[in-house]
Amino acid sequence: MESREKIVIIGGGFAGLQLARMLNNKNKKVIVIDKVNHHMFQPLFYQVACGRIEPSNISFPFRKIFQRSRNIQYRMMEVNQILPSQNKIVSPDCEITYDKLILATGCKTNFFGNDKMETLTFGMKNTQEAIAIRNHVLLTFEKIIMQKSRTDDGNWNIVIVGSGPTGVELAGAFAEMKREILPRDYPHMNFSNLNVILVSSTPTSLSTMSEESQVMSEKYLKELGVIFMSEEFVTDYDGDKVYMQSGKSIPSNNVIWAAGVTGNIIDGLDPKTVVRNRYKTDRYNRVLGYDNIFAIGDIAYMETPKYPAAHPQVANVAINQGKNLGRNLLRKSQNQWEEFEYTDRGSMATIGKHRAVVDLPNFKFQGLLAWYFWMFLHLMLILSVRNKVAIFFNWMWSYFNKDSSLRLIIIPNKKNETEQ
């Protein structure tokens, strides 16, 4: 009996999960590896950070996803090294061999080599970081209310660095929290002193979107009371103040870094294959110089005539690369493989209730209709029906009541921290 080809997928984000689902119950032996035990729906992390939805509503355990699969196994581990000459990957606990290796390791927050920034600010690329932001911001208000007088200006400034969709959506959510929720939770505090500050290195917010979306997003931010600082480059943060290239500084104990991402590279492949911290691939997502190693999603650097500087690091690219590679791996011959071609279906961002911007290839719109469109699309992309219903209920409750009941401060105790 002919043995099944063994495919190892490192990373269970949008790209890796989509590929695994394409290979589900096919004549392949598939092992999905991730250092956490669940897939995370990253576009809604900001709502976890602001206490609007539960982390469990956008987190999907891999063992549940593949519960009925006949050919997919999951391993919770972190891969430290690839040994391509031996067709093997290595972790502290074990080694796994492969016939084909798929790198779908995604990205992490890019602090541009600033160790202090990495230590003292908050990124938002996983569930734990989103929960940490929620904990930290809520703890700030609990500390303030215990003080008879305001002794630290930094407690009253929430600074978000980066004006892409993540930064804009987070700023809008915190601004609404300031207006609608915090005055009811803390009736004896004057939240007119609280500032939500969005620091942008570009002249406008959402610089990769259309001019109409840039103008409207900035208008919406200002309507919500967000302080928008354009063309400001953050150079340092010492835990008390944010310093900028212009010489300005902002006192803040709450700094969220949303100013860029960088790829999660694993040691072992030829350094020449790495371009801008992504693996350079051919049009079939095969890493250059290797016949049986592939990279998909944010970690893949594929140059095409339409995208000479590689594709944008967005979910739609990752999903479609996973689908295309899945179809190719299931074809009988590599002569039948199809090159990957990305069709941009548009981009969007929401900036608070009834405020959103949508750029479609032939149509751009903003405001209430864009907000409903954003909600519907994100709801449809959530994996399970149960989670769709839970998020829909939370959104409707928040819509009519202008509130949520998810502002829990949950911090691991010291014993748990030392065990991890």
Protein backbone atom coordinates (compact mmCIF):
# COMPACT_ATOMS: atom_id res chain seq x y z
CA MET A 1 0.00 0.00 0.00
CA GLU A 2 1.37 3.39 -1.01
CA SER A 3 2.13 5.64 1.98
CA ARG A 4 0.45 9.00 2.18
CA GLU A 5 2.44 12.17 1.63
CA LYS A 6 3.22 13.88 4.96
CA ILE A 7 2.55 17.63 4.97
CA VAL A 8 3.55 19.72 7.99
CA ILE A 9 1.97 23.17 8.36
CA ILE A 10 3.62 25.54 10.84
CA GLY A 11 1.09 28.20 11.86
CA GLY A 12 -2.67 28.12 12.22
CA GLY A 13 -3.54 31.66 11.19
CA PHE A 14 -5.69 32.53 8.17
CA ALA A 15 -3.26 30.99 5.66
CA GLY A 16 -2.36 27.83 7.55
CA LEU A 17 -5.92 27.09 8.64
CA GLN A 18 -7.30 27.61 5.13
CA LEU A 19 -4.72 25.23 3.69
CA ALA A 20 -5.47 22.60 6.35
CA ARG A 21 -9.18 22.82 5.60
CA MET A 22 -8.47 22.36 1.89
CA LEU A 23 -6.53 19.16 2.73
CA ASN A 24 -9.06 17.90 5.27
CA ASN A 25 -10.08 14.26 4.70
CA LYS A 26 -7.92 14.01 1.57
CA ASN A 27 -5.27 11.39 0.86
CA LYS A 28 -2.57 13.30 2.75
CA LYS A 29 -1.19 13.03 6.25
CA VAL A 30 -1.32 16.55 7.69
CA ILE A 31 0.17 17.89 10.91
CA VAL A 32 -0.77 21.43 11.96
CA ILE A 33 1.67 23.03 14.43
CA ASP A 34 1.07 26.18 16.43
CA LYS A 35 2.46 27.49 19.71
CA VAL A 36 -1.07 28.30 20.93
CA ASN A 37 -3.94 25.82 20.83
CA HIS A 38 -6.39 27.99 18.92
CA HIS A 39 -6.94 29.97 15.74
CA MET A 40 -7.46 33.68 16.40
CA PHE A 41 -9.67 36.04 14.41
CA GLN A 42 -7.28 38.97 14.50
CA PRO A 43 -9.50 41.69 12.93
CA LEU A 44 -11.58 41.82 16.13
CA PHE A 45 -8.75 41.88 18.67
CA TYR A 46 -9.41 45.57 19.24
CA GLN A 47 -12.91 44.73 20.47
CA VAL A 48 -11.44 42.31 23.01
CA ALA A 49 -9.03 45.05 24.13
CA CYS A 50 -11.98 47.41 24.70
CA GLY A 51 -14.18 44.86 26.48
CA ARG A 52 -16.76 44.58 23.72
CA ILE A 53 -16.52 40.85 23.02
CA GLU A 54 -15.15 37.83 24.85
CA PRO A 55 -11.80 36.40 23.71
CA SER A 56 -13.48 32.97 23.40
CA ASN A 57 -15.84 34.36 20.75
CA ILE A 58 -12.99 34.94 18.30
CA SER A 59 -10.76 32.04 19.34
CA PHE A 60 -11.25 28.54 17.92
CA PRO A 61 -9.42 25.53 19.40
CA PHE A 62 -7.63 23.53 16.71
CA ARG A 63 -8.63 20.22 18.27
CA LYS A 64 -12.28 21.27 18.00
CA ILE A 65 -11.85 22.44 14.39
CA PHE A 66 -10.28 19.13 13.35
CA GLN A 67 -12.29 16.95 15.73
CA ARG A 68 -13.86 14.92 12.92
CA SER A 69 -10.91 14.93 10.56
CA ARG A 70 -9.51 11.57 9.50
CA ASN A 71 -6.12 12.87 8.38
CA ILE A 72 -5.23 16.04 10.32
CA GLN A 73 -3.33 16.04 13.60
CA TYR A 74 -2.49 19.05 15.75
CA ARG A 75 0.63 19.63 17.84
CA MET A 76 1.03 22.51 20.28
CA MET A 77 4.70 23.41 20.07
CA GLU A 78 7.12 26.12 19.02
CA VAL A 79 9.48 25.27 16.19
CA ASN A 80 13.04 26.47 16.78
CA GLN A 81 14.80 25.22 13.68
CA ILE A 82 14.29 23.73 10.24
CA LEU A 83 16.75 21.12 8.99
CA PRO A 84 15.99 21.09 5.25
CA SER A 85 18.72 18.58 4.42
CA GLN A 86 17.01 16.07 6.72
CA ASN A 87 13.40 17.12 5.97
CA LYS A 88 12.96 17.72 9.67
CA ILE A 89 11.79 20.45 12.07
CA VAL A 90 13.05 20.73 15.63
CA SER A 91 11.45 21.96 18.85
CA PRO A 92 12.67 21.74 22.47
CA ASP A 93 10.43 18.71 23.00
CA CYS A 94 10.55 16.72 19.78
CA GLU A 95 11.49 16.43 16.11
CA ILE A 96 9.04 15.94 13.24
CA THR A 97 9.87 14.84 9.72
CA TYR A 98 8.01 15.98 6.61
CA ASP A 99 7.64 15.36 2.90
CA LYS A 100 6.44 18.91 2.35
CA LEU A 101 6.79 21.79 4.79
CA ILE A 102 4.47 24.80 4.75
CA LEU A 103 5.53 27.95 6.60
CA ALA A 104 2.50 29.98 7.65
CA THR A 105 4.02 31.60 10.71
CA GLY A 106 2.54 35.06 10.12
CA CYS A 107 3.77 38.24 11.74
CA LYS A 108 4.42 39.84 15.07
CA THR A 109 4.49 43.48 16.12
CA ASN A 110 7.48 45.37 14.70
CA PHE A 111 9.17 47.54 17.32
CA PHE A 112 11.97 48.41 14.88
CA GLY A 113 14.69 47.16 17.20
CA ASN A 114 13.69 49.33 20.17
CA ASP A 115 13.87 46.95 23.14
CA LYS A 116 12.42 49.48 25.58
CA MET A 117 9.41 50.02 23.34
CA GLU A 118 8.88 46.28 23.10
CA THR A 119 9.07 45.90 26.89
CA LEU A 120 6.97 48.90 27.92
CA THR A 121 4.28 49.23 25.24
CA PHE A 122 1.50 46.85 24.25
CA GLY A 123 1.27 45.10 20.90
CA MET A 124 -1.96 43.54 19.67
CA LYS A 125 -1.13 40.50 17.56
CA ASN A 126 -2.58 37.75 19.76
CA THR A 127 -5.32 37.08 22.29
CA GLN A 128 -3.03 37.46 25.28
CA GLU A 129 -1.91 40.92 24.17
CA ALA A 130 -5.51 42.07 23.61
CA ILE A 131 -6.46 40.88 27.11
CA ALA A 132 -3.35 42.56 28.55
CA ILE A 133 -4.45 45.90 27.05
CA ARG A 134 -7.94 45.52 28.54
CA ASN A 135 -6.49 44.64 31.95
CA HIS A 136 -4.00 47.49 31.95
CA VAL A 137 -6.41 50.23 30.87
CA LEU A 138 -9.12 49.15 33.33
CA LEU A 139 -6.57 48.86 36.15
CA THR A 140 -5.50 52.42 35.38
CA PHE A 141 -8.98 53.72 36.18
CA GLU A 142 -9.21 51.60 39.31
CA LYS A 143 -5.94 53.15 40.50
CA ILE A 144 -7.07 56.69 39.65
CA ILE A 145 -10.29 56.42 41.63
CA MET A 146 -8.31 55.42 44.72
CA GLN A 147 -6.34 58.66 44.53
CA LYS A 148 -7.83 61.75 46.08
CA SER A 149 -6.15 63.98 43.52
CA ARG A 150 -4.82 63.37 40.04
CA THR A 151 -1.10 62.88 40.62
CA ASP A 152 0.01 61.35 37.33
CA ASP A 153 -0.92 62.93 33.99
CA GLY A 154 0.16 59.76 32.22
CA ASN A 155 -2.87 57.88 33.52
CA TRP A 156 -5.13 60.19 31.53
CA ASN A 157 -3.55 59.69 28.11
CA ILE A 158 -4.18 56.58 26.03
CA VAL A 159 -1.64 56.76 23.22
CA ILE A 160 -1.97 54.59 20.11
CA VAL A 161 1.01 54.61 17.74
CA GLY A 162 0.12 53.79 14.14
CA SER A 163 -2.82 54.98 12.05
CA GLY A 164 -3.58 51.91 9.95
CA PRO A 165 -6.88 50.04 10.40
CA THR A 166 -5.83 48.57 13.79
CA GLY A 167 -4.84 51.94 15.24
CA VAL A 168 -7.87 53.76 13.85
CA GLU A 169 -10.34 51.13 15.03
CA LEU A 170 -8.77 50.99 18.48
CA ALA A 171 -8.79 54.78 18.83
CA GLY A 172 -12.47 54.96 17.83
CA ALA A 173 -13.40 52.20 20.28
CA PHE A 174 -11.58 53.82 23.21
CA ALA A 175 -13.12 57.21 22.36
CA GLU A 176 -16.60 55.66 22.47
CA MET A 177 -15.71 53.93 25.72
CA LYS A 178 -14.75 57.31 27.15
CA ARG A 179 -18.06 58.88 26.08
CA GLU A 180 -20.58 56.12 26.70
CA ILE A 181 -19.27 53.60 29.21
CA LEU A 182 -16.65 54.95 31.60
CA PRO A 183 -18.83 57.82 32.98
CA ARG A 184 -21.40 55.20 34.05
CA ASP A 185 -18.81 52.84 35.52
CA TYR A 186 -17.03 55.65 37.37
CA PRO A 187 -19.71 58.31 38.03
CA HIS A 188 -17.45 60.37 40.33
CA MET A 189 -14.66 60.80 37.80
CA ASN A 190 -14.42 63.57 35.22
CA PHE A 191 -13.49 61.90 31.96
CA SER A 192 -13.11 65.16 30.11
CA ASN A 193 -9.51 64.87 31.30
CA LEU A 194 -9.04 61.57 29.44
CA ASN A 195 -7.35 61.87 26.05
CA VAL A 196 -7.26 59.27 23.30
CA ILE A 197 -4.26 60.18 21.15
CA LEU A 198 -3.50 58.63 17.76
CA VAL A 199 0.08 59.21 16.58
CA SER A 200 0.63 58.83 12.83
CA SER A 201 3.89 58.91 10.90
CA THR A 202 1.88 59.71 7.74
CA PRO A 203 -0.02 62.91 6.89
CA THR A 204 -3.38 61.09 7.05
CA SER A 205 -4.91 58.10 8.76
CA LEU A 206 -5.46 54.90 6.71
CA SER A 207 -2.74 55.97 4.27
CA THR A 208 -3.09 52.80 2.15
CA MET A 209 -6.78 53.44 1.46
CA SER A 210 -8.47 55.91 -0.90
CA GLU A 211 -8.33 59.66 -0.38
CA GLU A 212 -12.05 59.68 0.43
CA SER A 213 -11.54 57.12 3.18
CA GLN A 214 -8.56 59.00 4.57
CA VAL A 215 -10.51 62.26 4.78
CA MET A 216 -13.61 60.66 6.30
CA SER A 217 -11.70 58.55 8.81
CA GLU A 218 -9.92 61.62 10.13
CA LYS A 219 -13.27 63.45 10.29
CA TYR A 220 -14.82 60.57 12.25
CA LEU A 221 -11.88 60.44 14.66
CA LYS A 222 -12.18 64.14 15.40
CA GLU A 223 -15.96 63.84 15.88
CA LEU A 224 -15.28 61.22 18.53
CA GLY A 225 -12.77 63.48 20.24
CA VAL A 226 -9.61 61.58 19.26
CA ILE A 227 -6.50 63.75 19.14
CA PHE A 228 -4.87 62.99 15.79
CA MET A 229 -1.16 63.81 15.55
CA SER A 230 0.01 63.50 11.95
CA GLU A 231 3.58 63.21 10.62
CA GLU A 232 4.98 62.45 14.05
CA PHE A 233 7.64 59.77 14.48
CA VAL A 234 7.86 58.13 17.89
CA THR A 235 11.52 57.67 18.80
CA ASP A 236 11.38 56.42 22.39
CA TYR A 237 9.25 55.58 25.41
CA ASP A 238 10.51 55.27 28.97
CA GLY A 239 7.32 54.08 30.63
CA ASP A 240 6.28 57.62 31.57
CA LYS A 241 6.61 59.68 28.40
CA VAL A 242 6.39 59.10 24.65
CA TYR A 243 9.12 61.01 22.81
CA MET A 244 8.86 62.13 19.20
CA GLN A 245 11.31 63.20 16.53
CA SER A 246 9.81 66.71 16.48
CA GLY A 247 10.80 67.23 20.12
CA LYS A 248 7.27 66.83 21.46
CA SER A 249 6.51 64.41 24.25
CA ILE A 250 3.32 62.95 25.72
CA PRO A 251 3.00 61.69 29.30
CA SER A 252 1.33 58.29 29.18
CA ASN A 253 1.18 55.04 31.11
CA ASN A 254 -1.01 53.45 28.43
CA VAL A 255 0.83 53.10 25.09
CA ILE A 256 -0.35 50.69 22.41
CA TRP A 257 1.98 49.99 19.49
CA ALA A 258 0.18 49.42 16.16
CA ALA A 259 2.86 50.85 13.90
CA GLY A 260 3.88 47.85 11.86
CA VAL A 261 4.56 44.13 11.69
CA THR A 262 7.50 41.88 10.94
CA GLY A 263 7.61 38.24 9.93
CA ASN A 264 8.13 35.29 12.28
CA ILE A 265 11.25 33.75 10.73
CA ILE A 266 12.48 30.29 11.78
CA ASP A 267 16.19 29.48 11.72
CA GLY A 268 17.51 26.95 9.25
CA LEU A 269 16.83 28.19 5.72
CA ASP A 270 19.33 30.03 3.55
CA PRO A 271 19.37 33.69 4.72
CA LYS A 272 19.28 34.72 1.05
CA THR A 273 15.67 33.52 0.92
CA VAL A 274 14.62 36.16 3.48
CA VAL A 275 13.57 39.55 2.06
CA ARG A 276 12.24 42.20 4.46
CA ASN A 277 11.77 39.47 7.05
CA ARG A 278 9.62 37.38 4.72
CA TYR A 279 10.48 34.24 2.75
CA LYS A 280 10.90 34.90 -0.96
CA THR A 281 8.78 32.49 -3.00
CA ASP A 282 7.93 31.71 -6.60
CA ARG A 283 4.40 32.06 -7.98
CA TYR A 284 3.47 28.68 -6.45
CA ASN A 285 4.47 29.86 -2.95
CA ARG A 286 7.54 27.62 -3.04
CA VAL A 287 10.48 29.12 -1.11
CA LEU A 288 13.23 29.86 -3.61
CA GLY A 289 15.95 27.23 -3.57
CA TYR A 290 13.80 24.50 -2.02
CA ASP A 291 11.60 21.97 -3.80
CA ASN A 292 9.43 20.93 -0.85
CA ILE A 293 9.26 24.02 1.40
CA PHE A 294 6.53 26.61 0.89
CA ALA A 295 5.56 29.90 2.55
CA ILE A 296 2.04 31.36 2.55
CA GLY A 297 0.32 34.38 4.04
CA ASP A 298 2.05 37.31 5.72
CA ILE A 299 5.39 35.49 5.82
CA ALA A 300 5.53 35.01 2.01
CA TYR A 301 7.29 37.53 -0.23
CA MET A 302 6.04 36.89 -3.76
CA GLU A 303 6.83 39.34 -6.54
CA THR A 304 4.31 39.48 -9.39
CA PRO A 305 3.71 41.97 -12.23
CA LYS A 306 0.73 43.36 -10.31
CA TYR A 307 2.62 43.38 -7.01
CA PRO A 308 6.34 43.92 -7.76
CA ALA A 309 7.02 44.72 -4.08
CA ALA A 310 5.06 41.65 -2.88
CA HIS A 311 1.48 41.38 -1.70
CA PRO A 312 0.04 43.36 1.21
CA GLN A 313 0.03 41.50 4.52
CA VAL A 314 -3.73 41.17 4.84
CA ALA A 315 -6.09 38.30 5.61
CA ASN A 316 -7.53 38.05 2.11
CA VAL A 317 -4.11 37.38 0.58
CA ALA A 318 -3.38 34.73 3.22
CA ILE A 319 -6.71 32.95 2.73
CA ASN A 320 -6.37 32.85 -1.03
CA GLN A 321 -2.75 31.68 -0.96
CA GLY A 322 -3.86 28.86 1.35
CA LYS A 323 -6.63 27.91 -1.06
CA ASN A 324 -4.40 28.03 -4.14
CA LEU A 325 -1.62 25.97 -2.56
CA GLY A 326 -4.21 23.47 -1.29
CA ARG A 327 -5.60 22.98 -4.79
CA ASN A 328 -2.09 22.57 -6.20
CA LEU A 329 -1.06 19.99 -3.59
CA LEU A 330 -4.14 17.93 -4.43
CA ARG A 331 -3.42 17.86 -8.18
CA LYS A 332 -1.85 14.69 -9.59
CA SER A 333 1.07 16.43 -11.24
CA GLN A 334 3.01 19.65 -10.66
CA ASN A 335 2.54 20.31 -14.37
CA GLN A 336 -1.09 21.08 -13.48
CA TRP A 337 -0.22 23.58 -10.78
CA GLU A 338 -1.57 27.12 -11.14
CA GLU A 339 0.32 30.27 -10.25
CA PHE A 340 -1.09 32.46 -7.53
CA GLU A 341 -2.77 35.66 -8.71
CA TYR A 342 -4.30 38.04 -6.19
CA THR A 343 -7.39 40.06 -6.95
CA ASP A 344 -7.81 42.90 -4.48
CA ARG A 345 -11.38 42.81 -3.23
CA GLY A 346 -11.04 46.01 -1.24
CA SER A 347 -10.35 47.15 2.29
CA MET A 348 -12.32 48.66 5.14
CA ALA A 349 -12.13 50.05 8.65
CA THR A 350 -14.65 51.06 11.28
CA ILE A 351 -14.26 54.13 13.48
CA GLY A 352 -16.99 53.78 16.07
CA LYS A 353 -20.73 53.33 15.81
CA HIS A 354 -22.25 54.28 12.42
CA ARG A 355 -18.81 55.35 11.20
CA ALA A 356 -16.84 53.20 8.77
CA VAL A 357 -15.06 53.45 5.43
CA VAL A 358 -15.10 50.85 2.66
CA ASP A 359 -12.98 50.77 -0.50
CA LEU A 360 -14.18 48.26 -3.09
CA PRO A 361 -12.49 47.97 -6.50
CA ASN A 362 -15.22 49.98 -8.28
CA PHE A 363 -17.11 51.56 -5.43
CA LYS A 364 -16.22 53.52 -2.30
CA PHE A 365 -18.60 54.49 0.47
CA GLN A 366 -18.53 55.71 4.05
CA GLY A 367 -20.81 56.22 7.03
CA LEU A 368 -23.78 54.14 8.18
CA LEU A 369 -23.97 51.83 5.14
CA ALA A 370 -20.23 51.15 5.35
CA TRP A 371 -20.61 50.37 9.06
CA TYR A 372 -23.35 47.78 8.42
CA PHE A 373 -21.28 46.32 5.57
CA TRP A 374 -18.24 46.01 7.87
CA MET A 375 -20.31 44.29 10.58
CA PHE A 376 -21.95 41.84 8.18
CA LEU A 377 -18.71 40.83 6.48
CA HIS A 378 -16.81 40.27 9.73
CA LEU A 379 -19.72 38.30 11.17
CA MET A 380 -19.75 36.03 8.12
CA LEU A 381 -16.00 35.40 8.40
CA ILE A 382 -16.30 34.09 11.98
CA LEU A 383 -15.87 30.31 11.89
CA SER A 384 -18.74 28.79 13.88
CA VAL A 385 -22.46 29.52 14.01
CA ARG A 386 -22.34 29.60 17.80
CA ASN A 387 -19.68 32.30 17.75
CA LYS A 388 -21.56 34.28 15.12
CA VAL A 389 -24.66 34.27 17.34
CA ALA A 390 -22.66 35.26 20.45
CA ILE A 391 -20.93 38.17 18.72
CA PHE A 392 -24.18 39.30 17.07
CA PHE A 393 -25.89 39.31 20.49
CA ASN A 394 -23.02 41.30 22.05
CA TRP A 395 -23.08 43.81 19.20
CA MET A 396 -26.87 44.24 19.40
CA TRP A 397 -26.77 44.65 23.17
CA SER A 398 -24.03 47.25 22.83
CA TYR A 399 -25.91 48.96 19.97
CA PHE A 400 -29.15 49.49 21.89
CA ASN A 401 -27.76 49.77 25.43
CA LYS A 402 -24.50 51.59 24.60
CA ASP A 403 -22.80 49.26 27.07
CA SER A 404 -21.29 45.82 27.56
CA SER A 405 -20.69 43.63 30.59
CA LEU A 406 -17.31 42.27 29.56
CA ARG A 407 -14.96 44.62 31.38
CA LEU A 408 -13.31 41.92 33.45
CA ILE A 409 -9.84 42.37 34.90
CA ILE A 410 -8.27 38.91 34.82
CA ILE A 411 -4.60 38.75 35.71
CA PRO A 412 -2.59 35.52 36.16
CA ASN A 413 -1.37 35.04 39.72
CA LYS A 414 2.35 34.86 40.41
CA LYS A 415 2.32 31.10 40.79
CA ASN A 416 0.89 30.68 37.28
CA GLU A 417 3.36 33.16 35.85
CA THR A 418 6.35 31.25 37.23
CA GLU A 419 5.00 27.97 35.89
CA GLN A 420 4.68 29.22 32.32
